[in-house]
């Protein structure tokens, strides 16, 4: 982990990256996914102090796993 709080939120569907997810998943499900990200951040108690969400897209960005996911990073000054 790169911070005290470092959580992965992973889609159930098989999407390579953020662009693939947004282009091919129904908009309602995209919204639900990001609502889940907010809920998890609240559950991890980083909402008030702040947190970062991160998704690497492509080799040059450091994407190591070809499955869309979001990192929630927080719990300390980043």
PDB file of N, CA and C in Angstrom:
ATOM      1  N   UNK A   1       0.823  -1.209   0.000  1.00  0.00           N
ATOM      2  CA  UNK A   1       0.000   0.000   0.000  1.00  0.00           C
ATOM      3  C   UNK A   1       0.860   1.263   0.000  1.00  0.00           C
ATOM      4  N   UNK A   2       0.371   2.287  -0.671  1.00  0.00           N
ATOM      5  CA  UNK A   2       1.117   3.545  -0.752  1.00  0.00           C
ATOM      6  C   UNK A   2       0.673   4.539   0.320  1.00  0.00           C
ATOM      7  N   UNK A   3      -0.335   4.180   1.124  1.00  0.00           N
ATOM      8  CA  UNK A   3      -0.829   5.055   2.186  1.00  0.00           C
ATOM      9  C   UNK A   3      -1.470   4.177   3.258  1.00  0.00           C
ATOM     10  N   UNK A   4      -1.851   4.799   4.375  1.00  0.00           N
ATOM     11  CA  UNK A   4      -2.500   4.048   5.455  1.00  0.00           C
ATOM     12  C   UNK A   4      -3.759   3.346   4.968  1.00  0.00           C
ATOM     13  N   UNK A   5      -4.502   4.025   4.107  1.00  0.00           N
ATOM     14  CA  UNK A   5      -5.682   3.418   3.495  1.00  0.00           C
ATOM     15  C   UNK A   5      -5.404   3.272   2.006  1.00  0.00           C
ATOM     16  N   UNK A   6      -5.487   2.051   1.528  1.00  0.00           N
ATOM     17  CA  UNK A   6      -5.296   1.777   0.099  1.00  0.00           C
ATOM     18  C   UNK A   6      -6.196   0.592  -0.244  1.00  0.00           C
ATOM     19  N   UNK A   7      -7.316   0.910  -0.898  1.00  0.00           N
ATOM     20  CA  UNK A   7      -8.341  -0.084  -1.192  1.00  0.00           C
ATOM     21  C   UNK A   7      -8.560  -0.131  -2.694  1.00  0.00           C
ATOM     22  N   UNK A   8      -8.788  -1.325  -3.215  1.00  0.00           N
ATOM     23  CA  UNK A   8      -9.135  -1.486  -4.627  1.00  0.00           C
ATOM     24  C   UNK A   8     -10.631  -1.728  -4.751  1.00  0.00           C
ATOM     25  N   UNK A   9     -11.245  -1.056  -5.715  1.00  0.00           N
ATOM     26  CA  UNK A   9     -12.652  -1.295  -6.054  1.00  0.00           C
ATOM     27  C   UNK A   9     -12.639  -1.832  -7.481  1.00  0.00           C
ATOM     28  N   UNK A  10     -13.173  -3.032  -7.649  1.00  0.00           N
ATOM     29  CA  UNK A  10     -13.040  -3.753  -8.913  1.00  0.00           C
ATOM     30  C   UNK A  10     -14.428  -4.010  -9.515  1.00  0.00           C
ATOM     31  N   UNK A  11     -14.533  -3.808 -10.808  1.00  0.00           N
ATOM     32  CA  UNK A  11     -15.798  -4.083 -11.503  1.00  0.00           C
ATOM     33  C   UNK A  11     -16.021  -5.587 -11.618  1.00  0.00           C
ATOM     34  N   UNK A  12     -17.278  -5.969 -11.684  1.00  0.00           N
ATOM     35  CA  UNK A  12     -17.612  -7.372 -11.905  1.00  0.00           C
ATOM     36  C   UNK A  12     -17.434  -7.734 -13.380  1.00  0.00           C
ATOM     37  N   UNK A  13     -17.704  -6.781 -14.251  1.00  0.00           N
ATOM     38  CA  UNK A  13     -17.583  -7.027 -15.687  1.00  0.00           C
ATOM     39  C   UNK A  13     -16.130  -7.040 -16.125  1.00  0.00           C
ATOM     40  N   UNK A  14     -15.888  -7.596 -17.279  1.00  0.00           N
ATOM     41  CA  UNK A  14     -14.524  -7.686 -17.822  1.00  0.00           C
ATOM     42  C   UNK A  14     -14.240  -6.457 -18.689  1.00  0.00           C
ATOM     43  N   UNK A  15     -13.628  -5.464 -18.066  1.00  0.00           N
ATOM     44  CA  UNK A  15     -13.255  -4.245 -18.769  1.00  0.00           C
ATOM     45  C   UNK A  15     -11.764  -4.046 -18.610  1.00  0.00           C
ATOM     46  N   UNK A  16     -11.105  -3.647 -19.672  1.00  0.00           N
ATOM     47  CA  UNK A  16      -9.647  -3.494 -19.656  1.00  0.00           C
ATOM     48  C   UNK A  16      -9.231  -2.270 -18.861  1.00  0.00           C
ATOM     49  N   UNK A  17      -9.957  -1.155 -19.019  1.00  0.00           N
ATOM     50  CA  UNK A  17      -9.565   0.081 -18.358  1.00  0.00           C
ATOM     51  C   UNK A  17     -10.781   1.003 -18.242  1.00  0.00           C
ATOM     52  N   UNK A  18     -10.561   2.201 -17.701  1.00  0.00           N
ATOM     53  CA  UNK A  18     -11.635   3.167 -17.484  1.00  0.00           C
ATOM     54  C   UNK A  18     -12.382   3.479 -18.774  1.00  0.00           C
ATOM     55  N   UNK A  19     -11.664   3.746 -19.845  1.00  0.00           N
ATOM     56  CA  UNK A  19     -12.303   4.084 -21.122  1.00  0.00           C
ATOM     57  C   UNK A  19     -13.199   2.942 -21.599  1.00  0.00           C
ATOM     58  N   UNK A  20     -12.722   1.728 -21.509  1.00  0.00           N
ATOM     59  CA  UNK A  20     -13.500   0.554 -21.908  1.00  0.00           C
ATOM     60  C   UNK A  20     -14.764   0.452 -21.053  1.00  0.00           C
ATOM     61  N   UNK A  21     -14.636   0.657 -19.755  1.00  0.00           N
ATOM     62  CA  UNK A  21     -15.763   0.594 -18.831  1.00  0.00           C
ATOM     63  C   UNK A  21     -16.818   1.638 -19.190  1.00  0.00           C
ATOM     64  N   UNK A  22     -16.409   2.891 -19.362  1.00  0.00           N
ATOM     65  CA  UNK A  22     -17.348   3.984 -19.644  1.00  0.00           C
ATOM     66  C   UNK A  22     -18.014   3.807 -21.005  1.00  0.00           C
ATOM     67  N   UNK A  23     -17.274   3.331 -21.978  1.00  0.00           N
ATOM     68  CA  UNK A  23     -17.820   3.175 -23.324  1.00  0.00           C
ATOM     69  C   UNK A  23     -18.767   1.981 -23.454  1.00  0.00           C
ATOM     70  N   UNK A  24     -18.585   0.955 -22.641  1.00  0.00           N
ATOM     71  CA  UNK A  24     -19.326  -0.289 -22.869  1.00  0.00           C
ATOM     72  C   UNK A  24     -20.277  -0.707 -21.756  1.00  0.00           C
ATOM     73  N   UNK A  25     -20.205  -0.060 -20.617  1.00  0.00           N
ATOM     74  CA  UNK A  25     -21.124  -0.372 -19.514  1.00  0.00           C
ATOM     75  C   UNK A  25     -22.272   0.637 -19.549  1.00  0.00           C
ATOM     76  N   UNK A  26     -23.494   0.204 -19.282  1.00  0.00           N
ATOM     77  CA  UNK A  26     -24.610   1.157 -19.237  1.00  0.00           C
ATOM     78  C   UNK A  26     -24.331   2.287 -18.232  1.00  0.00           C
ATOM     79  N   UNK A  27     -24.732   3.491 -18.593  1.00  0.00           N
ATOM     80  CA  UNK A  27     -24.456   4.675 -17.766  1.00  0.00           C
ATOM     81  C   UNK A  27     -24.934   4.494 -16.329  1.00  0.00           C
ATOM     82  N   UNK A  28     -26.057   3.847 -16.147  1.00  0.00           N
ATOM     83  CA  UNK A  28     -26.589   3.624 -14.792  1.00  0.00           C
ATOM     84  C   UNK A  28     -25.602   2.811 -13.947  1.00  0.00           C
ATOM     85  N   UNK A  29     -24.960   1.832 -14.551  1.00  0.00           N
ATOM     86  CA  UNK A  29     -24.000   1.005 -13.816  1.00  0.00           C
ATOM     87  C   UNK A  29     -22.695   1.751 -13.550  1.00  0.00           C
ATOM     88  N   UNK A  30     -22.306   2.630 -14.461  1.00  0.00           N
ATOM     89  CA  UNK A  30     -21.122   3.465 -14.227  1.00  0.00           C
ATOM     90  C   UNK A  30     -21.379   4.342 -13.002  1.00  0.00           C
ATOM     91  N   UNK A  31     -22.565   4.935 -12.951  1.00  0.00           N
ATOM     92  CA  UNK A  31     -22.931   5.766 -11.811  1.00  0.00           C
ATOM     93  C   UNK A  31     -22.926   4.941 -10.523  1.00  0.00           C
ATOM     94  N   UNK A  32     -23.495   3.756 -10.553  1.00  0.00           N
ATOM     95  CA  UNK A  32     -23.537   2.899  -9.358  1.00  0.00           C
ATOM     96  C   UNK A  32     -22.136   2.518  -8.906  1.00  0.00           C
ATOM     97  N   UNK A  33     -21.238   2.277  -9.847  1.00  0.00           N
ATOM     98  CA  UNK A  33     -19.861   1.934  -9.488  1.00  0.00           C
ATOM     99  C   UNK A  33     -19.221   3.077  -8.702  1.00  0.00           C
ATOM    100  N   UNK A  34     -19.367   4.304  -9.209  1.00  0.00           N
ATOM    101  CA  UNK A  34     -18.731   5.426  -8.529  1.00  0.00           C
ATOM    102  C   UNK A  34     -19.461   5.799  -7.237  1.00  0.00           C
ATOM    103  N   UNK A  35     -20.743   5.504  -7.135  1.00  0.00           N
ATOM    104  CA  UNK A  35     -21.436   5.654  -5.857  1.00  0.00           C
ATOM    105  C   UNK A  35     -20.865   4.652  -4.845  1.00  0.00           C
ATOM    106  N   UNK A  36     -20.525   3.461  -5.312  1.00  0.00           N
ATOM    107  CA  UNK A  36     -19.898   2.468  -4.442  1.00  0.00           C
ATOM    108  C   UNK A  36     -18.524   2.943  -3.977  1.00  0.00           C
ATOM    109  N   UNK A  37     -17.776   3.601  -4.863  1.00  0.00           N
ATOM    110  CA  UNK A  37     -16.473   4.150  -4.483  1.00  0.00           C
ATOM    111  C   UNK A  37     -16.651   5.149  -3.345  1.00  0.00           C
ATOM    112  N   UNK A  38     -17.630   6.039  -3.455  1.00  0.00           N
ATOM    113  CA  UNK A  38     -17.900   7.020  -2.401  1.00  0.00           C
ATOM    114  C   UNK A  38     -18.280   6.308  -1.105  1.00  0.00           C
ATOM    115  N   UNK A  39     -19.132   5.307  -1.199  1.00  0.00           N
ATOM    116  CA  UNK A  39     -19.568   4.563  -0.015  1.00  0.00           C
ATOM    117  C   UNK A  39     -18.382   3.887   0.675  1.00  0.00           C
ATOM    118  N   UNK A  40     -17.510   3.287  -0.097  1.00  0.00           N
ATOM    119  CA  UNK A  40     -16.347   2.609   0.481  1.00  0.00           C
ATOM    120  C   UNK A  40     -15.405   3.618   1.134  1.00  0.00           C
ATOM    121  N   UNK A  41     -15.216   4.769   0.510  1.00  0.00           N
ATOM    122  CA  UNK A  41     -14.381   5.817   1.113  1.00  0.00           C
ATOM    123  C   UNK A  41     -14.962   6.253   2.450  1.00  0.00           C
ATOM    124  N   UNK A  42     -16.278   6.376   2.508  1.00  0.00           N
ATOM    125  CA  UNK A  42     -16.934   6.720   3.775  1.00  0.00           C
ATOM    126  C   UNK A  42     -16.713   5.627   4.810  1.00  0.00           C
ATOM    127  N   UNK A  43     -16.865   4.390   4.388  1.00  0.00           N
ATOM    128  CA  UNK A  43     -16.686   3.249   5.287  1.00  0.00           C
ATOM    129  C   UNK A  43     -15.246   3.163   5.810  1.00  0.00           C
ATOM    130  N   UNK A  44     -14.291   3.552   4.969  1.00  0.00           N
ATOM    131  CA  UNK A  44     -12.879   3.527   5.368  1.00  0.00           C
ATOM    132  C   UNK A  44     -12.489   4.777   6.162  1.00  0.00           C
ATOM    133  N   UNK A  45     -13.461   5.678   6.364  1.00  0.00           N
ATOM    134  CA  UNK A  45     -13.287   6.892   7.174  1.00  0.00           C
ATOM    135  C   UNK A  45     -12.249   7.863   6.609  1.00  0.00           C
ATOM    136  N   UNK A  46     -12.239   8.011   5.287  1.00  0.00           N
ATOM    137  CA  UNK A  46     -11.338   8.985   4.658  1.00  0.00           C
ATOM    138  C   UNK A  46     -12.096  10.115   3.970  1.00  0.00           C
ATOM    139  N   UNK A  47     -13.406  10.095   4.016  1.00  0.00           N
ATOM    140  CA  UNK A  47     -14.202  11.110   3.322  1.00  0.00           C
ATOM    141  C   UNK A  47     -13.970  12.510   3.860  1.00  0.00           C
ATOM    142  N   UNK A  48     -13.931  12.660   5.162  1.00  0.00           N
ATOM    143  CA  UNK A  48     -13.787  13.989   5.748  1.00  0.00           C
ATOM    144  C   UNK A  48     -12.390  14.569   5.557  1.00  0.00           C
ATOM    145  N   UNK A  49     -11.366  13.750   5.737  1.00  0.00           N
ATOM    146  CA  UNK A  49      -9.990  14.255   5.618  1.00  0.00           C
ATOM    147  C   UNK A  49      -9.537  14.353   4.167  1.00  0.00           C
ATOM    148  N   UNK A  50     -10.138  13.543   3.307  1.00  0.00           N
ATOM    149  CA  UNK A  50      -9.805  13.564   1.880  1.00  0.00           C
ATOM    150  C   UNK A  50      -9.137  12.287   1.427  1.00  0.00           C
ATOM    151  N   UNK A  51      -9.309  12.011   0.165  1.00  0.00           N
ATOM    152  CA  UNK A  51      -8.723  10.807  -0.426  1.00  0.00           C
ATOM    153  C   UNK A  51      -8.503  11.025  -1.910  1.00  0.00           C
ATOM    154  N   UNK A  52      -7.748  10.150  -2.497  1.00  0.00           N
ATOM    155  CA  UNK A  52      -7.463  10.199  -3.931  1.00  0.00           C
ATOM    156  C   UNK A  52      -8.036   8.931  -4.552  1.00  0.00           C
ATOM    157  N   UNK A  53      -8.638   9.070  -5.742  1.00  0.00           N
ATOM    158  CA  UNK A  53      -8.995   7.877  -6.510  1.00  0.00           C
ATOM    159  C   UNK A  53      -8.083   7.856  -7.734  1.00  0.00           C
ATOM    160  N   UNK A  54      -7.639   6.676  -8.080  1.00  0.00           N
ATOM    161  CA  UNK A  54      -6.650   6.529  -9.131  1.00  0.00           C
ATOM    162  C   UNK A  54      -6.968   5.298  -9.965  1.00  0.00           C
ATOM    163  N   UNK A  55      -6.821   5.442 -11.263  1.00  0.00           N
ATOM    164  CA  UNK A  55      -6.925   4.304 -12.165  1.00  0.00           C
ATOM    165  C   UNK A  55      -5.878   4.473 -13.253  1.00  0.00           C
ATOM    166  N   UNK A  56      -4.940   3.567 -13.301  1.00  0.00           N
ATOM    167  CA  UNK A  56      -3.899   3.608 -14.334  1.00  0.00           C
ATOM    168  C   UNK A  56      -4.469   3.057 -15.632  1.00  0.00           C
ATOM    169  N   UNK A  57      -4.196   3.754 -16.734  1.00  0.00           N
ATOM    170  CA  UNK A  57      -4.714   3.334 -18.035  1.00  0.00           C
ATOM    171  C   UNK A  57      -3.549   3.203 -18.996  1.00  0.00           C
ATOM    172  N   UNK A  58      -3.211   1.979 -19.330  1.00  0.00           N
ATOM    173  CA  UNK A  58      -2.141   1.721 -20.279  1.00  0.00           C
ATOM    174  C   UNK A  58      -0.772   1.530 -19.635  1.00  0.00           C
ATOM    175  N   UNK A  59       0.088   0.945 -20.396  1.00  0.00           N
ATOM    176  CA  UNK A  59       1.438   0.606 -19.938  1.00  0.00           C
ATOM    177  C   UNK A  59       2.215   1.822 -19.435  1.00  0.00           C
ATOM    178  N   UNK A  60       2.187   2.913 -20.185  1.00  0.00           N
ATOM    179  CA  UNK A  60       2.949   4.104 -19.794  1.00  0.00           C
ATOM    180  C   UNK A  60       2.473   4.710 -18.484  1.00  0.00           C
ATOM    181  N   UNK A  61       1.234   4.450 -18.107  1.00  0.00           N
ATOM    182  CA  UNK A  61       0.695   4.958 -16.843  1.00  0.00           C
ATOM    183  C   UNK A  61       0.946   3.989 -15.690  1.00  0.00           C
ATOM    184  N   UNK A  62       1.489   2.829 -15.995  1.00  0.00           N
ATOM    185  CA  UNK A  62       1.780   1.851 -14.956  1.00  0.00           C
ATOM    186  C   UNK A  62       0.698   0.809 -14.746  1.00  0.00           C
ATOM    187  N   UNK A  63      -0.215   0.673 -15.712  1.00  0.00           N
ATOM    188  CA  UNK A  63      -1.251  -0.347 -15.570  1.00  0.00           C
ATOM    189  C   UNK A  63      -0.607  -1.720 -15.684  1.00  0.00           C
ATOM    190  N   UNK A  64      -0.701  -2.493 -14.610  1.00  0.00           N
ATOM    191  CA  UNK A  64      -0.104  -3.827 -14.579  1.00  0.00           C
ATOM    192  C   UNK A  64      -1.126  -4.929 -14.788  1.00  0.00           C
ATOM    193  N   UNK A  65      -2.366  -4.657 -14.405  1.00  0.00           N
ATOM    194  CA  UNK A  65      -3.441  -5.641 -14.522  1.00  0.00           C
ATOM    195  C   UNK A  65      -4.438  -5.123 -15.547  1.00  0.00           C
ATOM    196  N   UNK A  66      -4.749  -5.911 -16.548  1.00  0.00           N
ATOM    197  CA  UNK A  66      -5.671  -5.477 -17.592  1.00  0.00           C
ATOM    198  C   UNK A  66      -7.112  -5.769 -17.196  1.00  0.00           C
ATOM    199  N   UNK A  67      -7.513  -5.192 -16.082  1.00  0.00           N
ATOM    200  CA  UNK A  67      -8.896  -5.249 -15.610  1.00  0.00           C
ATOM    201  C   UNK A  67      -9.153  -3.937 -14.881  1.00  0.00           C
ATOM    202  N   UNK A  68     -10.185  -3.204 -15.301  1.00  0.00           N
ATOM    203  CA  UNK A  68     -10.467  -1.904 -14.715  1.00  0.00           C
ATOM    204  C   UNK A  68     -10.707  -2.009 -13.219  1.00  0.00           C
ATOM    205  N   UNK A  69     -10.029  -1.153 -12.484  1.00  0.00           N
ATOM    206  CA  UNK A  69     -10.242  -1.022 -11.045  1.00  0.00           C
ATOM    207  C   UNK A  69      -9.813   0.377 -10.619  1.00  0.00           C
ATOM    208  N   UNK A  70     -10.287   0.794  -9.467  1.00  0.00           N
ATOM    209  CA  UNK A  70      -9.980   2.097  -8.919  1.00  0.00           C
ATOM    210  C   UNK A  70      -9.306   1.900  -7.567  1.00  0.00           C
ATOM    211  N   UNK A  71      -8.249   2.656  -7.331  1.00  0.00           N
ATOM    212  CA  UNK A  71      -7.599   2.672  -6.019  1.00  0.00           C
ATOM    213  C   UNK A  71      -8.196   3.834  -5.230  1.00  0.00           C
ATOM    214  N   UNK A  72      -8.556   3.589  -3.982  1.00  0.00           N
ATOM    215  CA  UNK A  72      -8.911   4.651  -3.034  1.00  0.00           C
ATOM    216  C   UNK A  72      -7.718   4.764  -2.099  1.00  0.00           C
ATOM    217  N   UNK A  73      -7.102   5.942  -2.072  1.00  0.00           N
ATOM    218  CA  UNK A  73      -5.885   6.135  -1.298  1.00  0.00           C
ATOM    219  C   UNK A  73      -6.103   7.305  -0.344  1.00  0.00           C
ATOM    220  N   UNK A  74      -5.799   7.113   0.936  1.00  0.00           N
ATOM    221  CA  UNK A  74      -5.980   8.188   1.903  1.00  0.00           C
ATOM    222  C   UNK A  74      -5.517   7.798   3.283  1.00  0.00           C
ATOM    223  N   UNK A  75      -6.066   8.479   4.274  1.00  0.00           N
ATOM    224  CA  UNK A  75      -5.719   8.190   5.650  1.00  0.00           C
ATOM    225  C   UNK A  75      -4.513   8.955   6.149  1.00  0.00           C
ATOM    226  N   UNK A  76      -3.900   9.762   5.299  1.00  0.00           N
ATOM    227  CA  UNK A  76      -2.744  10.570   5.640  1.00  0.00           C
ATOM    228  C   UNK A  76      -2.540  11.608   4.534  1.00  0.00           C
ATOM    229  N   UNK A  77      -1.683  12.581   4.778  1.00  0.00           N
ATOM    230  CA  UNK A  77      -1.382  13.567   3.745  1.00  0.00           C
ATOM    231  C   UNK A  77      -0.643  12.871   2.617  1.00  0.00           C
ATOM    232  N   UNK A  78      -1.116  13.075   1.403  1.00  0.00           N
ATOM    233  CA  UNK A  78      -0.502  12.413   0.244  1.00  0.00           C
ATOM    234  C   UNK A  78       0.445  13.344  -0.474  1.00  0.00           C
TER     235      UNK A  78
END
